[in-house]
Amino acid sequence: CVLGLVIGCADDPGPADDDDVSGDDDDQGDDDATADDDDVGDDDDDDATADDDDDVTVGIWSQVSGGRYHTCGVRNDTLVDCWGNDNYEQSTPATGFFTQVSAGKYHSCGVQTDGTVACWGCDGEGYDYGQCDPPAGSFVQVVAARHHSCGVKADGSIACWGCEGELAGYPGVFVDAGQCSPPAFTFTQVTAGDDHSCGLRDDGLVMCWGCGEPNEDYGQCNSPDVVFTQIDSDAYHSCGVLADGTADCWGSTSSGKADPPDGETFSMVSAGRHNSCGVLTSGEVSCWGCGDADYDVGQCDPPAGTFQHVALGQAHGCGVD
């Protein structure tokens, strides 16, 4: 599989880091001033390298994951490469061999071939909330988000870590919104946004938790009561593939990112900051969202061709063909 799709990757024309003073600033007027203020002081650094995602390492890949301003992928030789912003060493992967990787905001995590989880990044005062400190045990899948990470363990339970302490620069404002407290069920997949997490149960139903901050609740924890085969989350919305192959999304509807096309069937979907994309059963990529011109930098314009997997970040997308 060749990493054959890269879309977006231009400087985000919105605010320097669009969750500085509001949880999802394209949802104007709905968020409070502390929704993501852990970005204090890091805005120019992130923007200065936002388009570094163009520097893709050439190789053969089995999986790719898009973070806020960086991307990581697992090569066919089970080594991990990352590119893009490395201000917090989120693009400096741990040594070892991996089966899966997830790129978050300030950090990344991966499942190693022995089932243990390794995380890297969080290297900066005010950006370490414990999300780089995975528990011991054997995992089959991991996801890196903003202040937290979660993983599906070999027994199907979910463990989450992070959510520790106060929001940088805001004494008395804590980062724990419940996103690190998964329910006790058996799951096949976990995904996570800024302040929420969702898990795909072994019966196909989706459960979400977190959303403890009322000014950051856009319904991203209100998953439909239907059977899914795959799910993905970004900051304030999630999408999934239903049993019949159609896509459904919930949470923030800004920019049209939660409005998948009717009549299309998908093998998988990915949720990004301002848009969503999915691999159609034909292998082509279909994207939706980008309805706000201030946040459209081409991440809704996938190239022609067939793909197995697609992954979105802040303002870019990558795919494995």
Protein backbone atom coordinates (compact mmCIF):
# COMPACT_ATOMS: atom_id res chain seq x y z
CA CYS A 1 0.00 0.00 0.00
CA VAL A 2 1.41 3.35 -1.02
CA LEU A 3 0.64 6.59 0.78
CA GLY A 4 -1.03 8.08 -2.24
CA LEU A 5 -3.40 10.82 -1.09
CA VAL A 6 -2.51 14.13 0.50
CA ILE A 7 -5.12 16.92 0.49
CA GLY A 8 -5.13 20.31 2.14
CA CYS A 9 -1.82 21.01 3.87
CA ALA A 10 -1.97 24.77 3.27
CA ASP A 11 -1.78 27.26 6.11
CA ASP A 12 -5.13 27.23 7.91
CA PRO A 13 -6.60 30.64 7.02
CA GLY A 14 -8.64 30.78 10.21
CA PRO A 15 -7.31 31.87 13.60
CA ALA A 16 -3.76 30.71 14.32
CA ASP A 17 -5.01 27.70 16.27
CA ASP A 18 -8.71 27.63 15.98
CA ASP A 19 -9.42 26.34 19.44
CA ASP A 20 -7.60 29.13 21.25
CA VAL A 21 -10.53 31.05 22.64
CA SER A 22 -13.44 28.84 21.70
CA GLY A 23 -13.98 25.13 21.57
CA ASP A 24 -14.83 25.12 17.88
CA ASP A 25 -14.66 28.66 16.63
CA ASP A 26 -16.55 27.86 13.47
CA ASP A 27 -19.49 27.23 15.81
CA GLN A 28 -19.58 30.93 16.51
CA GLY A 29 -21.19 32.06 19.72
CA ASP A 30 -21.58 28.58 21.18
CA ASP A 31 -18.37 28.15 23.14
CA ASP A 32 -16.85 29.77 26.18
CA ALA A 33 -13.48 31.46 26.40
CA THR A 34 -11.69 28.52 28.02
CA ALA A 35 -12.66 25.73 25.67
CA ASP A 36 -9.14 25.08 24.44
CA ASP A 37 -6.92 27.68 26.00
CA ASP A 38 -4.13 25.21 26.60
CA ASP A 39 -2.90 26.59 23.27
CA VAL A 40 -1.75 29.77 24.99
CA GLY A 41 1.59 30.77 23.55
CA ASP A 42 1.76 28.03 20.93
CA ASP A 43 -0.28 29.55 18.12
CA ASP A 44 2.48 30.99 15.97
CA ASP A 45 4.55 27.83 16.32
CA ASP A 46 1.74 25.60 15.09
CA ASP A 47 0.87 27.87 12.19
CA ALA A 48 4.46 28.29 11.16
CA THR A 49 4.66 24.59 10.41
CA ALA A 50 1.07 23.84 9.50
CA ASP A 51 2.00 23.06 5.93
CA ASP A 52 4.91 20.77 6.87
CA ASP A 53 2.56 17.86 6.21
CA ASP A 54 3.68 18.19 2.59
CA ASP A 55 6.99 16.57 3.57
CA VAL A 56 5.72 13.00 3.32
CA THR A 57 8.27 10.26 3.83
CA VAL A 58 8.29 8.07 0.72
CA GLY A 59 7.53 4.45 1.49
CA ILE A 60 5.05 1.61 1.58
CA TRP A 61 2.44 1.96 4.29
CA SER A 62 -0.18 -0.12 6.05
CA GLN A 63 -1.91 2.67 7.99
CA VAL A 64 -1.86 6.46 8.43
CA SER A 65 -3.29 8.87 11.02
CA GLY A 66 -3.79 12.64 10.81
CA GLY A 67 -3.19 14.83 13.87
CA ARG A 68 -3.71 18.53 14.39
CA TYR A 69 -0.67 19.68 12.41
CA HIS A 70 1.23 16.43 12.02
CA THR A 71 0.74 12.98 10.53
CA CYS A 72 2.06 9.55 11.46
CA GLY A 73 1.98 6.26 9.60
CA VAL A 74 2.94 2.63 10.01
CA ARG A 75 5.14 1.34 7.22
CA ASN A 76 4.90 -2.22 5.93
CA ASP A 77 8.11 -3.01 7.85
CA THR A 78 6.16 -2.03 11.06
CA LEU A 79 8.28 1.07 11.70
CA VAL A 80 6.52 4.39 12.35
CA ASP A 81 7.34 7.65 10.57
CA CYS A 82 5.81 11.05 11.37
CA TRP A 83 6.00 14.41 9.62
CA GLY A 84 4.69 17.91 10.21
CA ASN A 85 4.76 19.99 13.37
CA ASP A 86 7.18 18.66 16.00
CA ASN A 87 7.05 21.43 18.60
CA TYR A 88 6.23 18.94 21.36
CA GLU A 89 8.09 15.99 19.78
CA GLN A 90 4.78 14.57 18.57
CA SER A 91 6.48 13.79 15.26
CA THR A 92 9.48 12.06 16.87
CA PRO A 93 8.20 8.48 17.22
CA ALA A 94 9.34 6.00 19.81
CA THR A 95 11.66 3.28 18.63
CA GLY A 96 10.13 -0.13 18.12
CA PHE A 97 7.80 -2.03 15.83
CA PHE A 98 4.13 -1.12 15.56
CA THR A 99 0.85 -2.48 14.26
CA GLN A 100 -1.13 0.79 14.52
CA VAL A 101 -0.52 4.48 15.25
CA SER A 102 -2.67 7.49 16.14
CA ALA A 103 -1.68 11.16 15.82
CA GLY A 104 -3.29 13.53 18.31
CA LYS A 105 -2.75 17.22 19.03
CA TYR A 106 0.41 17.45 21.12
CA HIS A 107 1.24 13.77 21.13
CA SER A 108 0.97 10.47 19.29
CA CYS A 109 0.52 6.88 20.46
CA GLY A 110 0.99 3.49 18.84
CA VAL A 111 0.36 -0.17 19.55
CA GLN A 112 3.60 -2.11 19.42
CA THR A 113 3.87 -5.62 18.01
CA ASP A 114 3.96 -7.03 21.55
CA GLY A 115 0.62 -5.34 22.34
CA THR A 116 1.99 -2.63 24.61
CA VAL A 117 1.31 1.05 23.90
CA ALA A 118 4.02 3.68 23.46
CA CYS A 119 3.28 7.42 23.32
CA TRP A 120 5.49 10.36 22.44
CA GLY A 121 5.17 14.14 22.49
CA CYS A 122 3.81 16.18 25.43
CA ASP A 123 7.23 17.84 25.58
CA GLY A 124 6.44 21.33 26.80
CA GLU A 125 5.27 23.05 29.93
CA GLY A 126 1.50 23.20 30.00
CA TYR A 127 1.00 20.46 27.39
CA ASP A 128 1.43 17.30 29.47
CA TYR A 129 -1.80 16.13 31.05
CA GLY A 130 -0.74 12.49 31.39
CA GLN A 131 -1.83 11.61 27.85
CA CYS A 132 1.66 10.26 27.07
CA ASP A 133 1.65 7.82 30.01
CA PRO A 134 -0.18 4.67 28.89
CA PRO A 135 -0.96 1.91 31.37
CA ALA A 136 0.61 -1.51 31.21
CA GLY A 137 -1.21 -4.28 29.44
CA SER A 138 -1.94 -5.64 26.00
CA PHE A 139 -3.85 -3.48 23.54
CA VAL A 140 -5.24 -4.00 20.04
CA GLN A 141 -5.95 -0.34 19.14
CA VAL A 142 -5.17 3.13 20.48
CA VAL A 143 -6.31 6.69 19.81
CA ALA A 144 -4.53 9.95 20.71
CA ALA A 145 -6.69 13.05 21.20
CA ARG A 146 -6.00 16.41 22.89
CA HIS A 147 -5.68 16.00 26.67
CA HIS A 148 -6.19 12.25 26.69
CA SER A 149 -5.67 8.93 24.97
CA CYS A 150 -7.69 5.72 24.98
CA GLY A 151 -7.09 2.15 23.90
CA VAL A 152 -8.96 -1.10 23.40
CA LYS A 153 -7.34 -3.82 25.48
CA ALA A 154 -6.99 -7.43 24.40
CA ASP A 155 -10.01 -8.39 26.52
CA GLY A 156 -12.22 -5.79 24.77
CA SER A 157 -12.31 -3.32 27.65
CA ILE A 158 -11.25 0.31 27.13
CA ALA A 159 -8.63 2.14 29.18
CA CYS A 160 -8.12 5.90 28.96
CA TRP A 161 -5.35 8.05 30.39
CA GLY A 162 -4.58 11.74 30.66
CA CYS A 163 -7.19 14.29 31.81
CA GLU A 164 -4.88 15.32 34.65
CA GLY A 165 -4.69 18.75 36.20
CA GLU A 166 -5.78 22.26 35.32
CA LEU A 167 -5.94 23.86 31.89
CA ALA A 168 -2.69 25.72 31.26
CA GLY A 169 -3.11 29.40 32.08
CA TYR A 170 -6.53 28.90 33.71
CA PRO A 171 -6.29 28.05 37.41
CA GLY A 172 -9.35 26.21 38.62
CA VAL A 173 -10.34 25.03 35.13
CA PHE A 174 -9.74 21.29 34.89
CA VAL A 175 -9.26 19.30 31.68
CA ASP A 176 -11.25 16.27 32.88
CA ALA A 177 -14.69 16.42 31.26
CA GLY A 178 -15.35 12.71 31.76
CA GLN A 179 -13.57 11.66 28.55
CA CYS A 180 -11.21 9.38 30.50
CA SER A 181 -14.00 7.39 32.17
CA PRO A 182 -15.15 4.67 29.73
CA PRO A 183 -18.13 2.45 30.53
CA ALA A 184 -17.64 -1.21 31.35
CA PHE A 185 -18.57 -2.98 28.11
CA THR A 186 -16.79 -5.02 25.46
CA PHE A 187 -15.58 -2.90 22.55
CA THR A 188 -13.93 -3.47 19.18
CA GLN A 189 -12.83 0.14 18.52
CA VAL A 190 -12.33 3.42 20.36
CA THR A 191 -12.09 6.95 18.98
CA ALA A 192 -11.75 10.34 20.65
CA GLY A 193 -12.28 14.05 20.14
CA ASP A 194 -11.20 17.01 22.21
CA ASP A 195 -13.31 16.38 25.31
CA HIS A 196 -15.18 13.20 24.48
CA SER A 197 -14.54 9.59 23.52
CA CYS A 198 -16.66 7.02 21.70
CA GLY A 199 -16.44 3.26 21.57
CA LEU A 200 -17.86 0.72 19.14
CA ARG A 201 -19.29 -2.16 21.15
CA ASP A 202 -19.09 -5.77 20.04
CA ASP A 203 -22.83 -5.63 19.26
CA GLY A 204 -22.30 -2.71 16.87
CA LEU A 205 -23.80 -0.02 19.08
CA VAL A 206 -21.80 3.13 19.87
CA MET A 207 -21.35 4.58 23.34
CA CYS A 208 -19.79 8.01 23.96
CA TRP A 209 -18.62 9.62 27.19
CA GLY A 210 -17.24 12.97 28.29
CA CYS A 211 -18.89 16.22 27.15
CA GLY A 212 -18.78 17.43 30.75
CA GLU A 213 -18.30 21.06 29.75
CA PRO A 214 -21.76 22.47 28.87
CA ASN A 215 -20.38 25.16 26.57
CA GLU A 216 -18.54 22.53 24.56
CA ASP A 217 -21.45 20.12 24.15
CA TYR A 218 -22.66 19.99 20.55
CA GLY A 219 -24.27 16.58 20.87
CA GLN A 220 -21.02 14.72 20.15
CA CYS A 221 -21.84 12.29 22.96
CA ASN A 222 -25.34 11.60 21.60
CA SER A 223 -24.58 8.73 19.24
CA PRO A 224 -27.47 7.27 17.22
CA ASP A 225 -28.97 4.06 18.56
CA VAL A 226 -28.18 2.03 15.45
CA VAL A 227 -25.59 -0.57 14.44
CA PHE A 228 -22.25 0.67 13.11
CA THR A 229 -19.27 -1.17 11.66
CA GLN A 230 -16.67 1.61 12.09
CA ILE A 231 -16.47 5.07 13.70
CA ASP A 232 -14.16 8.07 13.92
CA SER A 233 -14.16 11.32 15.93
CA ASP A 234 -12.57 14.73 15.81
CA ALA A 235 -12.91 17.70 18.13
CA TYR A 236 -16.69 18.09 18.34
CA HIS A 237 -18.25 15.58 15.96
CA SER A 238 -18.12 11.92 15.05
CA CYS A 239 -19.02 9.88 12.00
CA GLY A 240 -19.54 6.19 11.38
CA VAL A 241 -20.41 3.57 8.80
CA LEU A 242 -23.79 1.92 9.37
CA ALA A 243 -24.48 -1.76 8.84
CA ASP A 244 -25.94 -0.98 5.41
CA GLY A 245 -22.78 0.91 4.38
CA THR A 246 -24.23 4.40 4.56
CA ALA A 247 -22.58 7.05 6.75
CA ASP A 248 -24.05 8.94 9.68
CA CYS A 249 -22.55 11.75 11.77
CA TRP A 250 -23.45 13.48 15.02
CA GLY A 251 -22.23 16.46 17.03
CA SER A 252 -21.21 19.84 15.65
CA THR A 253 -22.77 20.53 12.25
CA SER A 254 -20.66 23.57 11.37
CA SER A 255 -19.24 23.73 7.85
CA GLY A 256 -21.45 20.78 6.85
CA LYS A 257 -18.97 18.27 8.32
CA ALA A 258 -21.76 16.19 9.86
CA ASP A 259 -23.82 15.94 6.65
CA PRO A 260 -22.62 12.91 4.66
CA PRO A 261 -23.91 12.44 1.12
CA ASP A 262 -27.13 10.50 0.66
CA GLY A 263 -27.17 7.28 -1.31
CA GLU A 264 -23.43 6.56 -1.01
CA THR A 265 -22.00 3.47 0.69
CA PHE A 266 -18.66 3.45 2.48
CA SER A 267 -16.07 1.02 3.77
CA MET A 268 -14.71 3.55 6.31
CA VAL A 269 -14.95 7.21 7.32
CA SER A 270 -12.69 9.78 8.97
CA ALA A 271 -13.70 12.91 10.88
CA GLY A 272 -11.53 16.04 10.58
CA ARG A 273 -11.65 19.45 12.20
CA HIS A 274 -13.78 21.17 9.53
CA ASN A 275 -14.75 18.27 7.25
CA SER A 276 -15.19 14.53 6.98
CA CYS A 277 -14.18 12.03 4.32
CA GLY A 278 -14.88 8.40 3.59
CA VAL A 279 -13.70 5.63 1.32
CA LEU A 280 -16.60 4.59 -0.90
CA THR A 281 -17.17 0.92 -1.63
CA SER A 282 -15.81 1.73 -5.09
CA GLY A 283 -12.52 2.74 -3.45
CA GLU A 284 -12.85 6.41 -4.33
CA VAL A 285 -12.77 9.05 -1.58
CA SER A 286 -15.76 11.30 -0.94
CA CYS A 287 -15.52 14.34 1.36
CA TRP A 288 -18.08 16.69 2.85
CA GLY A 289 -17.92 19.87 4.93
CA CYS A 290 -15.64 22.83 4.17
CA GLY A 291 -18.79 24.94 3.95
CA ASP A 292 -17.00 27.87 5.59
CA ALA A 293 -14.55 29.38 3.11
CA ASP A 294 -12.36 30.56 6.00
CA TYR A 295 -11.46 26.93 6.75
CA ASP A 296 -11.36 25.42 3.28
CA VAL A 297 -7.78 24.82 2.21
CA GLY A 298 -8.48 21.93 -0.14
CA GLN A 299 -9.10 19.18 2.41
CA CYS A 300 -12.45 18.44 0.75
CA ASP A 301 -10.89 17.92 -2.68
CA PRO A 302 -9.45 14.38 -2.79
CA PRO A 303 -7.58 13.26 -5.88
CA ALA A 304 -8.90 10.64 -8.24
CA GLY A 305 -8.00 7.02 -7.62
CA THR A 306 -8.91 4.18 -5.29
CA PHE A 307 -7.91 3.96 -1.65
CA GLN A 308 -8.09 1.55 1.24
CA HIS A 309 -7.86 4.04 4.07
CA VAL A 310 -8.15 7.80 4.61
CA ALA A 311 -7.26 9.92 7.65
CA LEU A 312 -7.98 13.60 8.33
CA GLY A 313 -6.29 16.18 10.53
CA GLN A 314 -6.84 19.87 11.21
CA ALA A 315 -6.77 21.01 7.59
CA HIS A 316 -5.35 18.08 5.64
CA GLY A 317 -6.05 14.51 4.67
CA CYS A 318 -3.93 11.51 3.74
CA GLY A 319 -4.80 8.14 2.32
CA VAL A 320 -3.29 4.73 1.67
CA ASP A 321 -4.02 3.37 -1.79
